[in-house]
Amino acid sequence: MKNFTELKEIIAKLRHPEHGCGWYKSIDFKDVIPFTQSEAHEVFEAIHQQNHAELKDELGDLLLQVLTYAAIAEDKNLFNIDDVVDSCAQKLIRRKPHVLGDTPQPTTREEAIAITKEAKRQEKQAKGISTEKQKRLLDDIPTYLPALERAHQIITKACAVGFEWDDLDGLLNKINEEVEEVRVEHQQNNTQALHSEIGDLLFTVAILGYYTNINPEQPLRQANEKFMRRFNYVESQMLKQGFELKKGMLEKMDAFWDEAKKIEKEKGEDYLKSIS
């Protein structure tokens, strides 16, 4: 714990009212939020790229966010980082008694989930939150999540209680229906309705994640990367051959796009990146 203690001491020096960093000692909880969001996404990026050296650094940056929040709280006499660590440990002990306590081991995944849910219910009761007047099913889903991730969580909870299509074909038919509604509103130049219908289409497509047990965030990230690889190749080839990237050059760009797809299929993603 020597390194962790040293890190706490560094934070305390940065927050010192007289000798600390002018910016760091002045920040409050809300000031840190954008940095936390940014650092969390950089952790995701390092994992996605399987860059473990970068992941180590990014996890350190994310840990800094936690320490900063705790330091701000300590200055306000609310709690400190030791309280945060203790709270985390105690929560795990309460929610995993089949591993960390005397509760018998569950025989199924569903039983393990039920144990955790019961622990959460007891936690709410201990905090004075009524268990008789429960929150609505979707109330606990954070509003600040990225829209696609929030949609996935909404869908997962709703489908878990039976609010779902009978099978994937029913969902695919619904997607086709939403596509047609987008087409109609676009043809009628109804901007407000089109906005709504595009949202309905995207939400319905996100439901595919539930039926395939795939969080839609991941395939969308992969699709983004795929498009960037191929378009980077298109751009490099256009420039090499003296063409500008501009409207009116679609036929030429399409030809290079097809070339990129063929190279990627035959020689792999890394090779395509290396020549783009």
Protein backbone atom coordinates (compact mmCIF):
# COMPACT_ATOMS: atom_id res chain seq x y z
CA MET A 1 0.00 0.00 0.00
CA LYS A 2 3.08 2.26 0.01
CA ASN A 3 2.42 3.56 -3.50
CA PHE A 4 -1.24 4.18 -2.72
CA THR A 5 -0.30 6.12 0.43
CA GLU A 6 2.18 8.18 -1.59
CA LEU A 7 -0.51 8.93 -4.16
CA LYS A 8 -2.88 10.11 -1.40
CA GLU A 9 -0.13 12.40 -0.08
CA ILE A 10 0.41 13.87 -3.56
CA ILE A 11 -3.31 14.61 -3.85
CA ALA A 12 -3.27 16.26 -0.43
CA LYS A 13 -0.36 18.49 -1.50
CA LEU A 14 -2.14 19.47 -4.71
CA ARG A 15 -5.23 20.39 -2.67
CA HIS A 16 -3.32 22.28 0.04
CA PRO A 17 -5.13 25.62 0.58
CA GLU A 18 -1.89 27.66 0.63
CA HIS A 19 0.78 25.76 -1.27
CA GLY A 20 -1.33 23.60 -3.59
CA CYS A 21 -2.07 23.89 -7.30
CA GLY A 22 -4.26 26.93 -7.94
CA TRP A 23 -6.60 25.05 -10.24
CA TYR A 24 -6.64 21.68 -8.50
CA LYS A 25 -7.40 23.05 -5.05
CA SER A 26 -10.30 25.12 -6.40
CA ILE A 27 -12.23 22.40 -8.23
CA ASP A 28 -15.48 20.92 -6.95
CA PHE A 29 -17.33 17.66 -7.70
CA LYS A 30 -19.04 18.91 -10.86
CA ASP A 31 -15.77 20.27 -12.26
CA VAL A 32 -14.32 16.76 -12.30
CA ILE A 33 -17.20 15.06 -14.15
CA PRO A 34 -15.97 15.79 -17.73
CA PHE A 35 -12.52 14.43 -16.87
CA THR A 36 -14.02 11.28 -15.37
CA GLN A 37 -16.09 10.66 -18.49
CA SER A 38 -13.07 11.23 -20.71
CA GLU A 39 -10.79 8.94 -18.67
CA ALA A 40 -13.43 6.17 -18.58
CA HIS A 41 -13.69 6.25 -22.36
CA GLU A 42 -9.91 6.13 -22.68
CA VAL A 43 -9.94 2.98 -20.54
CA PHE A 44 -12.53 1.49 -22.91
CA GLU A 45 -10.37 2.45 -25.89
CA ALA A 46 -7.26 0.80 -24.45
CA ILE A 47 -9.22 -2.39 -23.77
CA HIS A 48 -10.71 -2.33 -27.26
CA GLN A 49 -7.26 -1.93 -28.80
CA GLN A 50 -5.81 -4.59 -26.47
CA ASN A 51 -3.11 -2.10 -25.50
CA HIS A 52 -2.24 -3.29 -22.02
CA ALA A 53 0.54 -0.79 -21.40
CA GLU A 54 -1.89 2.03 -22.22
CA LEU A 55 -4.57 0.36 -20.11
CA LYS A 56 -2.31 0.47 -17.08
CA ASP A 57 -1.81 4.23 -17.52
CA GLU A 58 -5.49 4.90 -18.19
CA LEU A 59 -6.57 2.93 -15.13
CA GLY A 60 -4.21 5.13 -13.14
CA ASP A 61 -5.86 8.22 -14.61
CA LEU A 62 -9.28 6.82 -13.70
CA LEU A 63 -8.08 6.09 -10.17
CA LEU A 64 -6.97 9.71 -9.94
CA GLN A 65 -10.57 10.76 -10.54
CA VAL A 66 -11.75 8.65 -7.59
CA LEU A 67 -9.04 10.08 -5.35
CA THR A 68 -9.92 13.60 -6.44
CA TYR A 69 -13.61 13.17 -5.59
CA ALA A 70 -12.63 11.72 -2.22
CA ALA A 71 -10.21 14.60 -1.53
CA ILE A 72 -12.91 17.15 -2.31
CA ALA A 73 -15.29 15.29 0.02
CA GLU A 74 -12.66 15.18 2.76
CA ASP A 75 -12.16 18.94 2.52
CA LYS A 76 -15.92 19.30 3.05
CA ASN A 77 -15.81 16.88 6.03
CA LEU A 78 -18.08 14.44 4.20
CA PHE A 79 -15.88 11.32 3.88
CA ASN A 80 -12.40 10.32 2.73
CA ILE A 81 -10.82 7.73 0.45
CA ASP A 82 -10.54 5.19 3.28
CA ASP A 83 -14.30 5.46 3.78
CA VAL A 84 -14.78 4.87 0.04
CA VAL A 85 -12.60 1.73 0.10
CA ASP A 86 -14.33 0.44 3.22
CA SER A 87 -17.76 1.08 1.70
CA CYS A 88 -16.78 -0.86 -1.41
CA ALA A 89 -15.43 -3.82 0.61
CA GLN A 90 -18.49 -3.99 2.86
CA LYS A 91 -20.84 -3.81 -0.13
CA LEU A 92 -19.10 -6.77 -1.77
CA ILE A 93 -19.30 -8.76 1.46
CA ARG A 94 -23.04 -8.04 1.73
CA ARG A 95 -23.80 -8.77 -1.91
CA LYS A 96 -21.65 -11.91 -2.28
CA PRO A 97 -22.32 -13.78 1.00
CA HIS A 98 -22.11 -17.10 -0.86
CA VAL A 99 -18.42 -16.37 -1.49
CA LEU A 100 -17.44 -14.00 1.32
CA GLY A 101 -19.81 -15.21 4.04
CA ASP A 102 -21.66 -18.26 5.31
CA THR A 103 -24.47 -18.43 2.75
CA PRO A 104 -24.55 -21.72 0.80
CA GLN A 105 -23.26 -21.59 -2.76
CA PRO A 106 -26.04 -21.10 -5.34
CA THR A 107 -26.42 -23.83 -7.92
CA THR A 108 -27.51 -21.55 -10.78
CA ARG A 109 -26.72 -18.08 -12.13
CA GLU A 110 -30.31 -17.05 -11.38
CA GLU A 111 -29.91 -17.98 -7.71
CA ALA A 112 -26.70 -15.93 -7.48
CA ILE A 113 -28.48 -12.92 -9.01
CA ALA A 114 -31.37 -13.37 -6.55
CA ILE A 115 -28.94 -13.28 -3.61
CA THR A 116 -27.46 -10.00 -4.84
CA LYS A 117 -30.90 -8.50 -5.43
CA GLU A 118 -31.98 -9.40 -1.90
CA ALA A 119 -28.82 -7.79 -0.51
CA LYS A 120 -29.60 -4.61 -2.46
CA ARG A 121 -33.16 -4.63 -1.10
CA GLN A 122 -31.84 -4.91 2.45
CA GLU A 123 -29.40 -2.06 1.79
CA LYS A 124 -32.25 0.20 0.69
CA GLN A 125 -34.25 -0.77 3.75
CA ALA A 126 -31.30 0.04 6.01
CA LYS A 127 -31.03 3.48 4.38
CA GLY A 128 -34.69 4.13 5.11
CA ILE A 129 -35.80 3.67 1.52
CA SER A 130 -39.25 2.10 1.54
CA THR A 131 -39.36 -1.37 0.08
CA GLU A 132 -43.14 -1.26 0.01
CA LYS A 133 -43.24 1.64 -2.41
CA GLN A 134 -40.61 0.42 -4.83
CA LYS A 135 -39.08 2.59 -7.51
CA ARG A 136 -40.35 1.96 -11.00
CA LEU A 137 -38.44 -0.66 -12.93
CA LEU A 138 -36.50 1.79 -15.09
CA ASP A 139 -35.89 4.52 -12.49
CA ASP A 140 -32.39 3.33 -11.56
CA ILE A 141 -31.00 3.61 -15.10
CA PRO A 142 -28.68 6.66 -15.11
CA THR A 143 -29.69 9.51 -17.40
CA TYR A 144 -26.06 10.46 -18.10
CA LEU A 145 -25.16 7.23 -19.90
CA PRO A 146 -24.39 7.38 -23.62
CA ALA A 147 -27.70 7.01 -25.46
CA LEU A 148 -26.92 3.58 -26.92
CA GLU A 149 -25.80 2.11 -23.60
CA ARG A 150 -28.83 3.60 -21.85
CA ALA A 151 -31.11 2.12 -24.51
CA HIS A 152 -29.50 -1.29 -23.97
CA GLN A 153 -30.10 -1.11 -20.21
CA ILE A 154 -33.72 0.04 -20.67
CA ILE A 155 -34.38 -2.77 -23.13
CA THR A 156 -32.72 -5.43 -20.97
CA LYS A 157 -34.84 -4.54 -17.94
CA ALA A 158 -38.09 -4.32 -19.89
CA CYS A 159 -37.51 -7.59 -21.74
CA ALA A 160 -36.53 -9.35 -18.50
CA VAL A 161 -40.11 -8.98 -17.25
CA GLY A 162 -41.61 -10.25 -20.50
CA PHE A 163 -42.14 -7.02 -22.45
CA GLU A 164 -40.62 -8.42 -25.62
CA TRP A 165 -41.25 -9.94 -29.05
CA ASP A 166 -41.75 -13.69 -29.25
CA ASP A 167 -38.71 -14.14 -31.46
CA LEU A 168 -36.07 -12.34 -33.51
CA ASP A 169 -38.25 -12.39 -36.64
CA GLY A 170 -40.86 -10.27 -34.89
CA LEU A 171 -38.23 -7.72 -33.97
CA LEU A 172 -36.80 -7.65 -37.51
CA ASN A 173 -40.31 -7.00 -38.85
CA LYS A 174 -40.60 -4.09 -36.42
CA ILE A 175 -37.28 -2.68 -37.65
CA ASN A 176 -38.57 -2.82 -41.23
CA GLU A 177 -41.72 -1.02 -40.08
CA GLU A 178 -39.64 1.73 -38.45
CA VAL A 179 -37.53 2.10 -41.60
CA GLU A 180 -40.69 2.63 -43.64
CA GLU A 181 -41.93 5.27 -41.17
CA VAL A 182 -38.64 7.14 -41.52
CA ARG A 183 -39.01 7.01 -45.31
CA VAL A 184 -42.56 8.39 -45.17
CA GLU A 185 -41.70 11.31 -42.87
CA HIS A 186 -38.66 12.15 -44.98
CA GLN A 187 -40.73 12.20 -48.16
CA GLN A 188 -43.26 14.48 -46.45
CA ASN A 189 -40.42 16.76 -45.25
CA ASN A 190 -41.80 16.58 -41.71
CA THR A 191 -38.68 17.41 -39.71
CA GLN A 192 -40.16 17.03 -36.23
CA ALA A 193 -41.78 13.67 -36.98
CA LEU A 194 -38.65 12.50 -38.81
CA HIS A 195 -36.58 13.28 -35.71
CA SER A 196 -38.92 11.10 -33.65
CA GLU A 197 -38.99 8.25 -36.16
CA ILE A 198 -35.19 8.13 -36.46
CA GLY A 199 -35.07 7.80 -32.68
CA ASP A 200 -37.61 4.97 -32.79
CA LEU A 201 -35.58 3.20 -35.48
CA LEU A 202 -32.30 3.47 -33.58
CA PHE A 203 -33.95 2.30 -30.35
CA THR A 204 -35.53 -0.69 -32.08
CA VAL A 205 -32.22 -1.66 -33.69
CA ALA A 206 -30.61 -1.48 -30.25
CA ILE A 207 -33.07 -4.14 -29.08
CA LEU A 208 -31.17 -6.60 -31.29
CA GLY A 209 -28.57 -6.65 -28.54
CA TYR A 210 -31.00 -8.31 -26.14
CA TYR A 211 -32.03 -11.01 -28.59
CA THR A 212 -28.45 -11.84 -29.55
CA ASN A 213 -26.93 -11.35 -26.07
CA ILE A 214 -24.60 -8.72 -27.54
CA ASN A 215 -24.28 -5.24 -26.07
CA PRO A 216 -24.84 -3.05 -29.17
CA GLU A 217 -22.11 -0.64 -28.05
CA GLN A 218 -19.43 -3.16 -29.05
CA PRO A 219 -20.57 -3.98 -32.61
CA LEU A 220 -21.14 -0.26 -33.24
CA ARG A 221 -17.59 0.48 -32.09
CA GLN A 222 -16.32 -2.25 -34.40
CA ALA A 223 -18.35 -0.84 -37.27
CA ASN A 224 -16.89 2.62 -36.60
CA GLU A 225 -13.37 1.19 -36.70
CA LYS A 226 -14.13 -0.79 -39.86
CA PHE A 227 -15.44 2.29 -41.64
CA MET A 228 -12.41 4.35 -40.56
CA ARG A 229 -9.95 1.69 -41.78
CA ARG A 230 -11.59 1.50 -45.17
CA PHE A 231 -12.13 5.22 -45.58
CA ASN A 232 -8.51 5.92 -44.57
CA TYR A 233 -7.48 3.62 -47.42
CA VAL A 234 -9.82 5.46 -49.81
CA GLU A 235 -8.33 8.80 -48.76
CA SER A 236 -4.72 7.62 -49.09
CA GLN A 237 -5.33 6.17 -52.56
CA MET A 238 -7.18 9.27 -53.75
CA LEU A 239 -4.31 11.50 -52.69
CA LYS A 240 -1.68 9.17 -54.12
CA GLN A 241 -3.37 9.30 -57.51
CA GLY A 242 -3.88 13.04 -57.44
CA PHE A 243 -7.61 13.13 -56.77
CA GLU A 244 -9.34 15.45 -54.33
CA LEU A 245 -11.71 14.25 -51.64
CA LYS A 246 -14.82 16.12 -52.71
CA LYS A 247 -18.35 15.68 -53.99
CA GLY A 248 -18.53 14.43 -57.54
CA MET A 249 -15.79 11.84 -56.99
CA LEU A 250 -18.05 9.11 -55.62
CA GLU A 251 -17.41 6.64 -58.42
CA LYS A 252 -13.66 6.79 -57.84
CA MET A 253 -14.07 6.60 -54.06
CA ASP A 254 -16.43 3.62 -54.38
CA ALA A 255 -13.81 1.78 -56.43
CA PHE A 256 -11.17 2.31 -53.74
CA TRP A 257 -13.70 1.32 -51.07
CA ASP A 258 -14.30 -2.02 -52.80
CA GLU A 259 -10.52 -2.41 -53.07
CA ALA A 260 -10.19 -1.82 -49.32
CA LYS A 261 -12.82 -4.46 -48.56
CA LYS A 262 -11.02 -6.99 -50.76
CA ILE A 263 -7.62 -6.27 -49.16
CA GLU A 264 -9.12 -6.51 -45.68
CA LYS A 265 -10.73 -9.86 -46.49
CA GLU A 266 -7.61 -11.35 -48.09
CA LYS A 267 -4.83 -9.88 -45.93
CA GLY A 268 -6.50 -8.69 -42.74
CA GLU A 269 -7.26 -5.48 -40.88
CA ASP A 270 -3.68 -4.79 -39.76
CA TYR A 271 -2.35 -4.96 -43.30
CA LEU A 272 -5.01 -2.54 -44.52
CA LYS A 273 -4.08 -0.13 -41.73
CA SER A 274 -0.40 -0.37 -42.62
CA ILE A 275 -0.92 0.72 -46.24
CA SER A 276 -3.48 3.45 -45.56
